[in-house]
PDB file of N, CA and C in Angstrom:
ATOM      1  N   UNK A   1     118.688  72.241 222.809  1.00  0.00           N
ATOM      2  CA  UNK A   1     118.103  73.795 222.712  1.00  0.00           C
ATOM      3  C   UNK A   1     118.089  73.877 221.025  1.00  0.00           C
ATOM      4  N   UNK A   2     117.291  74.431 220.530  1.00  0.00           N
ATOM      5  CA  UNK A   2     117.153  74.121 219.172  1.00  0.00           C
ATOM      6  C   UNK A   2     117.585  75.933 218.764  1.00  0.00           C
ATOM      7  N   UNK A   3     118.200  75.898 217.736  1.00  0.00           N
ATOM      8  CA  UNK A   3     118.778  76.971 217.322  1.00  0.00           C
ATOM      9  C   UNK A   3     117.933  77.590 216.136  1.00  0.00           C
ATOM     10  N   UNK A   4     117.707  79.148 216.316  1.00  0.00           N
ATOM     11  CA  UNK A   4     116.954  79.588 215.176  1.00  0.00           C
ATOM     12  C   UNK A   4     117.631  79.758 213.973  1.00  0.00           C
ATOM     13  N   UNK A   5     116.677  80.306 212.956  1.00  0.00           N
ATOM     14  CA  UNK A   5     117.027  80.116 211.433  1.00  0.00           C
ATOM     15  C   UNK A   5     118.262  80.948 211.340  1.00  0.00           C
ATOM     16  N   UNK A   6     118.476  82.090 211.998  1.00  0.00           N
ATOM     17  CA  UNK A   6     119.694  82.935 211.502  1.00  0.00           C
ATOM     18  C   UNK A   6     120.687  82.348 212.298  1.00  0.00           C
ATOM     19  N   UNK A   7     120.565  81.843 213.417  1.00  0.00           N
ATOM     20  CA  UNK A   7     121.842  81.050 214.117  1.00  0.00           C
ATOM     21  C   UNK A   7     121.923  79.695 213.534  1.00  0.00           C
ATOM     22  N   UNK A   8     121.195  79.017 212.862  1.00  0.00           N
ATOM     23  CA  UNK A   8     121.811  77.879 211.776  1.00  0.00           C
ATOM     24  C   UNK A   8     122.511  78.453 210.777  1.00  0.00           C
ATOM     25  N   UNK A   9     122.235  79.680 210.073  1.00  0.00           N
ATOM     26  CA  UNK A   9     122.770  80.035 208.831  1.00  0.00           C
ATOM     27  C   UNK A   9     124.153  80.680 209.361  1.00  0.00           C
ATOM     28  N   UNK A  10     124.533  81.209 210.439  1.00  0.00           N
ATOM     29  CA  UNK A  10     125.564  81.717 210.869  1.00  0.00           C
ATOM     30  C   UNK A  10     126.497  80.692 211.185  1.00  0.00           C
ATOM     31  N   UNK A  11     126.185  79.665 211.474  1.00  0.00           N
ATOM     32  CA  UNK A  11     127.197  78.377 211.393  1.00  0.00           C
ATOM     33  C   UNK A  11     127.399  77.834 209.908  1.00  0.00           C
ATOM     34  N   UNK A  12     126.513  77.866 209.043  1.00  0.00           N
ATOM     35  CA  UNK A  12     126.588  77.287 207.743  1.00  0.00           C
ATOM     36  C   UNK A  12     127.102  78.389 206.627  1.00  0.00           C
ATOM     37  N   UNK A  13     127.001  79.563 206.905  1.00  0.00           N
ATOM     38  CA  UNK A  13     127.732  80.705 205.859  1.00  0.00           C
ATOM     39  C   UNK A  13     128.293  81.632 206.744  1.00  0.00           C
ATOM     40  N   UNK A  14     129.971  81.630 206.161  1.00  0.00           N
ATOM     41  CA  UNK A  14     130.978  82.203 206.774  1.00  0.00           C
ATOM     42  C   UNK A  14     130.682  83.568 206.509  1.00  0.00           C
ATOM     43  N   UNK A  15     130.923  84.625 207.561  1.00  0.00           N
ATOM     44  CA  UNK A  15     131.116  86.153 207.364  1.00  0.00           C
ATOM     45  C   UNK A  15     129.601  86.844 206.962  1.00  0.00           C
ATOM     46  N   UNK A  16     129.303  87.593 207.886  1.00  0.00           N
ATOM     47  CA  UNK A  16     127.966  88.185 207.714  1.00  0.00           C
ATOM     48  C   UNK A  16     127.938  89.260 206.516  1.00  0.00           C
ATOM     49  N   UNK A  17     128.884  89.625 206.088  1.00  0.00           N
ATOM     50  CA  UNK A  17     128.711  90.516 204.963  1.00  0.00           C
ATOM     51  C   UNK A  17     128.288  89.669 203.676  1.00  0.00           C
ATOM     52  N   UNK A  18     129.040  88.368 203.606  1.00  0.00           N
ATOM     53  CA  UNK A  18     128.565  87.233 202.784  1.00  0.00           C
ATOM     54  C   UNK A  18     127.479  87.039 202.734  1.00  0.00           C
ATOM     55  N   UNK A  19     126.801  86.539 203.823  1.00  0.00           N
ATOM     56  CA  UNK A  19     125.481  86.129 204.040  1.00  0.00           C
ATOM     57  C   UNK A  19     124.590  87.148 203.482  1.00  0.00           C
ATOM     58  N   UNK A  20     124.818  88.408 203.887  1.00  0.00           N
ATOM     59  CA  UNK A  20     123.829  89.601 203.820  1.00  0.00           C
ATOM     60  C   UNK A  20     123.712  89.752 202.209  1.00  0.00           C
ATOM     61  N   UNK A  21     124.951  89.577 201.219  1.00  0.00           N
ATOM     62  CA  UNK A  21     124.598  90.067 200.012  1.00  0.00           C
ATOM     63  C   UNK A  21     124.347  88.726 199.105  1.00  0.00           C
ATOM     64  N   UNK A  22     124.385  87.714 199.708  1.00  0.00           N
ATOM     65  CA  UNK A  22     123.625  86.563 199.169  1.00  0.00           C
ATOM     66  C   UNK A  22     122.296  86.801 199.175  1.00  0.00           C
ATOM     67  N   UNK A  23     121.575  87.023 200.436  1.00  0.00           N
ATOM     68  CA  UNK A  23     120.472  87.247 200.781  1.00  0.00           C
ATOM     69  C   UNK A  23     119.973  88.140 199.910  1.00  0.00           C
ATOM     70  N   UNK A  24     120.458  89.436 199.988  1.00  0.00           N
ATOM     71  CA  UNK A  24     119.704  90.029 199.002  1.00  0.00           C
ATOM     72  C   UNK A  24     119.670  89.900 197.398  1.00  0.00           C
ATOM     73  N   UNK A  25     120.635  89.511 197.149  1.00  0.00           N
ATOM     74  CA  UNK A  25     120.689  89.336 195.571  1.00  0.00           C
ATOM     75  C   UNK A  25     119.769  87.894 195.695  1.00  0.00           C
ATOM     76  N   UNK A  26     119.564  87.106 196.133  1.00  0.00           N
ATOM     77  CA  UNK A  26     118.758  85.879 195.939  1.00  0.00           C
ATOM     78  C   UNK A  26     117.027  86.448 196.253  1.00  0.00           C
ATOM     79  N   UNK A  27     117.013  87.519 197.022  1.00  0.00           N
ATOM     80  CA  UNK A  27     115.527  88.002 197.358  1.00  0.00           C
ATOM     81  C   UNK A  27     115.072  88.906 196.271  1.00  0.00           C
ATOM     82  N   UNK A  28     116.139  89.649 195.810  1.00  0.00           N
ATOM     83  CA  UNK A  28     115.917  90.573 194.531  1.00  0.00           C
ATOM     84  C   UNK A  28     115.672  89.641 193.233  1.00  0.00           C
ATOM     85  N   UNK A  29     116.225  88.362 192.965  1.00  0.00           N
ATOM     86  CA  UNK A  29     115.779  87.344 192.212  1.00  0.00           C
ATOM     87  C   UNK A  29     114.225  86.787 192.315  1.00  0.00           C
ATOM     88  N   UNK A  30     114.149  86.533 193.394  1.00  0.00           N
ATOM     89  CA  UNK A  30     112.650  85.958 193.961  1.00  0.00           C
ATOM     90  C   UNK A  30     111.625  86.955 193.531  1.00  0.00           C
ATOM     91  N   UNK A  31     111.826  88.070 194.042  1.00  0.00           N
ATOM     92  CA  UNK A  31     110.939  89.320 193.522  1.00  0.00           C
ATOM     93  C   UNK A  31     110.714  89.419 192.155  1.00  0.00           C
ATOM     94  N   UNK A  32     111.781  89.344 191.360  1.00  0.00           N
ATOM     95  CA  UNK A  32     111.758  89.651 189.926  1.00  0.00           C
ATOM     96  C   UNK A  32     111.019  88.468 189.174  1.00  0.00           C
ATOM     97  N   UNK A  33     110.782  87.086 189.968  1.00  0.00           N
ATOM     98  CA  UNK A  33     110.075  86.005 189.162  1.00  0.00           C
ATOM     99  C   UNK A  33     110.817  84.797 189.701  1.00  0.00           C
ATOM    100  N   UNK A  34     111.868  84.882 189.875  1.00  0.00           N
ATOM    101  CA  UNK A  34     112.730  83.574 189.982  1.00  0.00           C
ATOM    102  C   UNK A  34     112.027  82.260 190.622  1.00  0.00           C
ATOM    103  N   UNK A  35     111.843  81.187 190.263  1.00  0.00           N
ATOM    104  CA  UNK A  35     111.565  80.174 190.867  1.00  0.00           C
ATOM    105  C   UNK A  35     112.106  79.823 192.008  1.00  0.00           C
ATOM    106  N   UNK A  36     111.285  79.439 193.367  1.00  0.00           N
ATOM    107  CA  UNK A  36     112.134  79.131 194.506  1.00  0.00           C
ATOM    108  C   UNK A  36     112.909  77.580 194.005  1.00  0.00           C
ATOM    109  N   UNK A  37     114.072  77.325 194.956  1.00  0.00           N
ATOM    110  CA  UNK A  37     114.795  76.507 194.665  1.00  0.00           C
ATOM    111  C   UNK A  37     114.287  75.162 195.558  1.00  0.00           C
ATOM    112  N   UNK A  38     113.147  75.480 196.277  1.00  0.00           N
ATOM    113  CA  UNK A  38     112.867  74.550 197.113  1.00  0.00           C
ATOM    114  C   UNK A  38     111.329  74.234 197.126  1.00  0.00           C
ATOM    115  N   UNK A  39     110.396  73.375 197.579  1.00  0.00           N
ATOM    116  CA  UNK A  39     109.145  73.064 197.656  1.00  0.00           C
ATOM    117  C   UNK A  39     108.542  73.853 198.845  1.00  0.00           C
ATOM    118  N   UNK A  40     107.843  74.647 198.598  1.00  0.00           N
ATOM    119  CA  UNK A  40     107.385  75.206 199.809  1.00  0.00           C
ATOM    120  C   UNK A  40     106.112  76.056 199.594  1.00  0.00           C
ATOM    121  N   UNK A  41     105.293  76.122 200.771  1.00  0.00           N
ATOM    122  CA  UNK A  41     104.286  76.877 200.577  1.00  0.00           C
ATOM    123  C   UNK A  41     104.424  78.699 201.098  1.00  0.00           C
ATOM    124  N   UNK A  42     105.860  78.756 201.370  1.00  0.00           N
ATOM    125  CA  UNK A  42     106.007  79.987 201.985  1.00  0.00           C
ATOM    126  C   UNK A  42     105.757  80.931 200.751  1.00  0.00           C
ATOM    127  N   UNK A  43     105.330  82.300 200.826  1.00  0.00           N
ATOM    128  CA  UNK A  43     105.172  83.242 200.121  1.00  0.00           C
ATOM    129  C   UNK A  43     106.226  84.188 200.180  1.00  0.00           C
ATOM    130  N   UNK A  44     107.042  84.726 201.465  1.00  0.00           N
ATOM    131  CA  UNK A  44     107.879  85.750 201.431  1.00  0.00           C
ATOM    132  C   UNK A  44     109.119  85.545 200.817  1.00  0.00           C
ATOM    133  N   UNK A  45     109.453  86.326 200.012  1.00  0.00           N
ATOM    134  CA  UNK A  45     110.818  86.116 199.317  1.00  0.00           C
ATOM    135  C   UNK A  45     111.796  85.889 200.393  1.00  0.00           C
ATOM    136  N   UNK A  46     111.864  86.948 201.416  1.00  0.00           N
ATOM    137  CA  UNK A  46     113.376  86.755 202.402  1.00  0.00           C
ATOM    138  C   UNK A  46     113.470  85.359 203.101  1.00  0.00           C
ATOM    139  N   UNK A  47     111.867  84.987 203.480  1.00  0.00           N
ATOM    140  CA  UNK A  47     112.052  83.763 204.284  1.00  0.00           C
ATOM    141  C   UNK A  47     112.664  82.522 203.190  1.00  0.00           C
ATOM    142  N   UNK A  48     112.211  82.687 201.874  1.00  0.00           N
ATOM    143  CA  UNK A  48     112.255  81.632 200.808  1.00  0.00           C
ATOM    144  C   UNK A  48     113.675  81.630 200.827  1.00  0.00           C
ATOM    145  N   UNK A  49     114.389  82.888 200.509  1.00  0.00           N
ATOM    146  CA  UNK A  49     116.053  82.770 200.218  1.00  0.00           C
ATOM    147  C   UNK A  49     116.876  82.286 201.574  1.00  0.00           C
ATOM    148  N   UNK A  50     116.084  82.724 203.062  1.00  0.00           N
ATOM    149  CA  UNK A  50     116.749  82.156 203.928  1.00  0.00           C
ATOM    150  C   UNK A  50     117.066  80.556 204.192  1.00  0.00           C
ATOM    151  N   UNK A  51     115.744  79.967 203.714  1.00  0.00           N
ATOM    152  CA  UNK A  51     115.511  78.507 203.529  1.00  0.00           C
ATOM    153  C   UNK A  51     116.563  77.849 202.445  1.00  0.00           C
ATOM    154  N   UNK A  52     116.517  78.452 201.407  1.00  0.00           N
ATOM    155  CA  UNK A  52     117.653  78.025 200.486  1.00  0.00           C
ATOM    156  C   UNK A  52     118.964  78.121 200.751  1.00  0.00           C
ATOM    157  N   UNK A  53     119.342  79.350 201.451  1.00  0.00           N
ATOM    158  CA  UNK A  53     120.725  79.311 201.818  1.00  0.00           C
ATOM    159  C   UNK A  53     120.874  78.520 203.067  1.00  0.00           C
ATOM    160  N   UNK A  54     120.080  78.249 203.877  1.00  0.00           N
ATOM    161  CA  UNK A  54     119.865  77.274 204.971  1.00  0.00           C
ATOM    162  C   UNK A  54     120.511  75.669 204.461  1.00  0.00           C
ATOM    163  N   UNK A  55     119.589  75.250 203.193  1.00  0.00           N
ATOM    164  CA  UNK A  55     119.895  73.954 202.909  1.00  0.00           C
ATOM    165  C   UNK A  55     120.915  74.116 201.819  1.00  0.00           C
ATOM    166  N   UNK A  56     122.175  75.326 201.449  1.00  0.00           N
ATOM    167  CA  UNK A  56     123.049  74.994 201.005  1.00  0.00           C
ATOM    168  C   UNK A  56     122.812  75.180 199.266  1.00  0.00           C
ATOM    169  N   UNK A  57     121.669  75.585 198.864  1.00  0.00           N
ATOM    170  CA  UNK A  57     121.139  75.708 197.609  1.00  0.00           C
ATOM    171  C   UNK A  57     121.631  76.728 196.783  1.00  0.00           C
ATOM    172  N   UNK A  58     122.269  77.915 197.336  1.00  0.00           N
ATOM    173  CA  UNK A  58     122.447  79.201 196.607  1.00  0.00           C
ATOM    174  C   UNK A  58     123.886  79.531 197.100  1.00  0.00           C
ATOM    175  N   UNK A  59     124.658  80.041 196.265  1.00  0.00           N
ATOM    176  CA  UNK A  59     125.704  80.515 196.614  1.00  0.00           C
ATOM    177  C   UNK A  59     126.247  81.831 195.916  1.00  0.00           C
ATOM    178  N   UNK A  60     127.272  82.721 196.402  1.00  0.00           N
ATOM    179  CA  UNK A  60     127.590  83.902 195.937  1.00  0.00           C
ATOM    180  C   UNK A  60     128.832  83.925 194.807  1.00  0.00           C
ATOM    181  N   UNK A  61     128.629  83.880 193.572  1.00  0.00           N
ATOM    182  CA  UNK A  61     129.700  83.453 192.558  1.00  0.00           C
ATOM    183  C   UNK A  61     129.972  85.257 192.027  1.00  0.00           C
ATOM    184  N   UNK A  62     131.510  85.197 192.514  1.00  0.00           N
ATOM    185  CA  UNK A  62     132.204  86.733 192.130  1.00  0.00           C
ATOM    186  C   UNK A  62     132.020  87.004 190.421  1.00  0.00           C
ATOM    187  N   UNK A  63     131.456  88.075 190.078  1.00  0.00           N
ATOM    188  CA  UNK A  63     131.493  88.472 188.893  1.00  0.00           C
ATOM    189  C   UNK A  63     132.882  89.554 188.421  1.00  0.00           C
ATOM    190  N   UNK A  64     132.698  90.173 187.124  1.00  0.00           N
ATOM    191  CA  UNK A  64     133.886  90.813 186.649  1.00  0.00           C
ATOM    192  C   UNK A  64     133.788  92.121 187.683  1.00  0.00           C
ATOM    193  N   UNK A  65     132.834  92.727 188.026  1.00  0.00           N
ATOM    194  CA  UNK A  65     133.130  93.886 189.165  1.00  0.00           C
ATOM    195  C   UNK A  65     133.033  93.726 190.292  1.00  0.00           C
ATOM    196  N   UNK A  66     133.391  92.328 190.783  1.00  0.00           N
ATOM    197  CA  UNK A  66     133.651  91.675 192.141  1.00  0.00           C
ATOM    198  C   UNK A  66     132.389  92.305 193.023  1.00  0.00           C
ATOM    199  N   UNK A  67     131.145  92.523 192.419  1.00  0.00           N
ATOM    200  CA  UNK A  67     129.808  92.314 193.135  1.00  0.00           C
ATOM    201  C   UNK A  67     129.298  90.991 193.456  1.00  0.00           C
ATOM    202  N   UNK A  68     129.530  89.997 192.751  1.00  0.00           N
ATOM    203  CA  UNK A  68     128.827  88.720 192.869  1.00  0.00           C
ATOM    204  C   UNK A  68     127.238  88.465 192.263  1.00  0.00           C
ATOM    205  N   UNK A  69     127.096  87.540 192.218  1.00  0.00           N
ATOM    206  CA  UNK A  69     125.874  87.101 191.422  1.00  0.00           C
ATOM    207  C   UNK A  69     125.573  85.719 192.299  1.00  0.00           C
ATOM    208  N   UNK A  70     123.986  85.845 192.417  1.00  0.00           N
ATOM    209  CA  UNK A  70     123.738  84.610 193.294  1.00  0.00           C
ATOM    210  C   UNK A  70     123.426  83.176 192.294  1.00  0.00           C
ATOM    211  N   UNK A  71     123.913  82.144 192.301  1.00  0.00           N
ATOM    212  CA  UNK A  71     123.709  81.118 191.525  1.00  0.00           C
ATOM    213  C   UNK A  71     123.148  80.008 192.464  1.00  0.00           C
ATOM    214  N   UNK A  72     122.387  79.060 191.889  1.00  0.00           N
ATOM    215  CA  UNK A  72     122.414  77.988 192.338  1.00  0.00           C
ATOM    216  C   UNK A  72     123.386  76.875 192.177  1.00  0.00           C
ATOM    217  N   UNK A  73     123.400  76.018 193.023  1.00  0.00           N
ATOM    218  CA  UNK A  73     124.513  74.993 192.827  1.00  0.00           C
ATOM    219  C   UNK A  73     124.294  74.001 191.651  1.00  0.00           C
ATOM    220  N   UNK A  74     125.328  73.791 190.863  1.00  0.00           N
ATOM    221  CA  UNK A  74     125.096  73.032 189.761  1.00  0.00           C
ATOM    222  C   UNK A  74     124.763  71.541 190.253  1.00  0.00           C
ATOM    223  N   UNK A  75     123.297  71.018 189.728  1.00  0.00           N
ATOM    224  CA  UNK A  75     123.001  69.520 190.044  1.00  0.00           C
ATOM    225  C   UNK A  75     123.821  68.604 189.156  1.00  0.00           C
ATOM    226  N   UNK A  76     124.002  67.415 189.383  1.00  0.00           N
ATOM    227  CA  UNK A  76     124.976  66.388 188.687  1.00  0.00           C
ATOM    228  C   UNK A  76     124.232  66.492 187.339  1.00  0.00           C
ATOM    229  N   UNK A  77     125.099  66.378 186.193  1.00  0.00           N
ATOM    230  CA  UNK A  77     124.912  66.155 185.057  1.00  0.00           C
ATOM    231  C   UNK A  77     124.007  67.819 184.338  1.00  0.00           C
ATOM    232  N   UNK A  78     124.343  68.859 185.119  1.00  0.00           N
ATOM    233  CA  UNK A  78     124.076  70.176 184.566  1.00  0.00           C
ATOM    234  C   UNK A  78     125.119  70.842 184.332  1.00  0.00           C
ATOM    235  N   UNK A  79     125.110  71.485 183.249  1.00  0.00           N
ATOM    236  CA  UNK A  79     125.930  72.597 183.230  1.00  0.00           C
ATOM    237  C   UNK A  79     126.031  74.069 183.630  1.00  0.00           C
ATOM    238  N   UNK A  80     126.661  74.584 184.008  1.00  0.00           N
ATOM    239  CA  UNK A  80     126.649  75.833 184.714  1.00  0.00           C
ATOM    240  C   UNK A  80     126.881  76.992 183.626  1.00  0.00           C
ATOM    241  N   UNK A  81     126.870  76.943 182.711  1.00  0.00           N
ATOM    242  CA  UNK A  81     127.059  77.898 181.418  1.00  0.00           C
ATOM    243  C   UNK A  81     125.837  78.497 180.899  1.00  0.00           C
ATOM    244  N   UNK A  82     125.373  79.763 180.902  1.00  0.00           N
ATOM    245  CA  UNK A  82     124.126  80.484 180.097  1.00  0.00           C
ATOM    246  C   UNK A  82     124.338  80.540 178.797  1.00  0.00           C
ATOM    247  N   UNK A  83     123.517  80.188 178.073  1.00  0.00           N
ATOM    248  CA  UNK A  83     123.785  80.718 176.723  1.00  0.00           C
ATOM    249  C   UNK A  83     122.552  81.806 176.380  1.00  0.00           C
TER     250      UNK A  83
END
């Protein structure tokens, strides 16, 4: 039996709060004009964020306030520092 996308995500991301926070922040980034991290014809930012999370392309990075921010996982040879 094939699992649905939310079921697959539940297996790959620990904790529903963490998953919800990650999705909310990434959807917000996409709405504000961030480019998708995947090649897709999908235009729905929620669906795009789900697909990115499923593929392990985004993670929640804790910030100083403890709210976290979404970041793409660094690719080999890339610096994670922003200037």
